[in-house]
Amino acid sequence: MSDSSPVTVWVFLGEGAQWPSGVFRTRERAESWIKTGELTGMLTEYPLDTGVHDWAIEHGHFQPRTAHQRTPSFVGRFTTAHQEHFHYIKGDQD
């Protein structure tokens, strides 16, 4: 991987969970764990060393239009469908 390539991790959030239950360096490792455990939930790719809010702005996926969209409560809960993500049901990709 070159220095210009983004460094990411894959985070699994089980159905109904409030917090992630697994963080992986590769999608393949995550999917193996999901399959073995017959888990239901979502696997999402996250950039390292930056927040999703900042990442989305930097990549042109989001532009804050109001002051509220720059508040700590908004930034702290921000997510975007532009992150690579996959859904699983009982270990199989949905």
Protein backbone atom coordinates (compact mmCIF):
# COMPACT_ATOMS: atom_id res chain seq x y z
CA MET A 1 0.00 0.00 0.00
CA SER A 2 1.42 3.39 -0.93
CA ASP A 3 1.57 6.35 1.45
CA SER A 4 -1.23 8.03 -0.52
CA SER A 5 -3.64 5.12 -0.03
CA PRO A 6 -6.18 5.65 2.72
CA VAL A 7 -5.78 3.42 5.74
CA THR A 8 -9.05 1.94 6.91
CA VAL A 9 -10.54 -0.64 9.24
CA TRP A 10 -13.73 -2.67 9.04
CA VAL A 11 -16.13 -2.33 11.98
CA PHE A 12 -18.97 -4.77 12.71
CA LEU A 13 -22.10 -3.58 14.47
CA GLY A 14 -24.46 -6.40 15.36
CA GLU A 15 -28.20 -6.02 14.93
CA GLY A 16 -29.60 -3.96 17.80
CA ALA A 17 -26.15 -3.28 19.24
CA GLN A 18 -25.18 0.12 20.59
CA TRP A 19 -21.42 -0.47 20.19
CA PRO A 20 -19.27 -2.40 17.70
CA SER A 21 -18.37 -5.99 18.50
CA GLY A 22 -15.41 -6.34 16.16
CA VAL A 23 -12.79 -4.27 14.35
CA PHE A 24 -10.72 -5.79 11.54
CA ARG A 25 -7.86 -4.81 9.24
CA THR A 26 -9.44 -6.54 6.25
CA ARG A 27 -12.95 -7.24 5.00
CA GLU A 28 -11.97 -10.87 4.49
CA ARG A 29 -11.07 -11.38 8.18
CA ALA A 30 -14.28 -9.66 9.24
CA GLU A 31 -16.43 -11.77 6.93
CA SER A 32 -14.80 -14.98 8.15
CA TRP A 33 -15.63 -14.01 11.75
CA ILE A 34 -19.19 -13.01 10.78
CA LYS A 35 -19.72 -16.28 8.88
CA THR A 36 -18.30 -18.46 11.67
CA GLY A 37 -20.50 -16.77 14.27
CA GLU A 38 -23.57 -16.71 12.01
CA LEU A 39 -23.93 -13.03 12.90
CA THR A 40 -26.53 -10.51 11.79
CA GLY A 41 -25.56 -6.87 11.44
CA MET A 42 -23.58 -4.42 9.35
CA LEU A 43 -19.90 -4.24 8.41
CA THR A 44 -18.64 -0.73 7.59
CA GLU A 45 -15.27 0.54 6.38
CA TYR A 46 -13.94 3.47 8.46
CA PRO A 47 -10.99 5.75 7.74
CA LEU A 48 -8.26 5.86 10.40
CA ASP A 49 -7.00 9.06 12.00
CA THR A 50 -9.98 11.15 10.93
CA GLY A 51 -13.63 11.50 11.80
CA VAL A 52 -16.32 10.43 9.35
CA HIS A 53 -17.70 13.99 9.28
CA ASP A 54 -14.31 15.38 8.22
CA TRP A 55 -13.74 12.52 5.79
CA ALA A 56 -17.11 13.10 4.11
CA ILE A 57 -16.42 16.82 3.71
CA GLU A 58 -12.90 16.20 2.39
CA HIS A 59 -14.18 13.73 -0.23
CA GLY A 60 -17.11 15.90 -1.33
CA HIS A 61 -19.82 13.63 0.11
CA PHE A 62 -21.18 16.20 2.56
CA GLN A 63 -21.18 19.95 2.95
CA PRO A 64 -22.52 21.47 6.19
CA ARG A 65 -25.29 23.91 5.32
CA THR A 66 -26.27 25.09 8.79
CA ALA A 67 -24.42 25.94 11.99
CA HIS A 68 -26.08 22.92 13.63
CA GLN A 69 -24.27 20.60 11.19
CA ARG A 70 -20.95 21.68 12.76
CA THR A 71 -22.00 21.19 16.39
CA PRO A 72 -20.31 18.54 18.55
CA SER A 73 -23.54 16.56 18.93
CA PHE A 74 -24.06 16.44 15.15
CA VAL A 75 -20.42 15.62 14.34
CA GLY A 76 -20.30 12.95 17.06
CA ARG A 77 -23.30 11.08 15.58
CA PHE A 78 -22.52 11.67 11.90
CA THR A 79 -22.56 8.75 9.48
CA THR A 80 -22.77 8.58 5.71
CA ALA A 81 -23.91 5.96 3.23
CA HIS A 82 -20.83 6.84 1.17
CA GLN A 83 -18.76 4.59 3.43
CA GLU A 84 -18.45 1.08 2.03
CA HIS A 85 -20.79 -1.15 4.03
CA PHE A 86 -22.44 -4.56 3.84
CA HIS A 87 -25.38 -6.17 5.62
CA TYR A 88 -25.38 -9.76 6.93
CA ILE A 89 -28.10 -12.10 8.12
CA LYS A 90 -27.03 -15.18 10.09
CA GLY A 91 -23.53 -14.92 8.64
CA ASP A 92 -24.53 -14.51 5.00
CA GLN A 93 -24.30 -11.25 3.07
CA ASP A 94 -27.77 -9.83 2.50
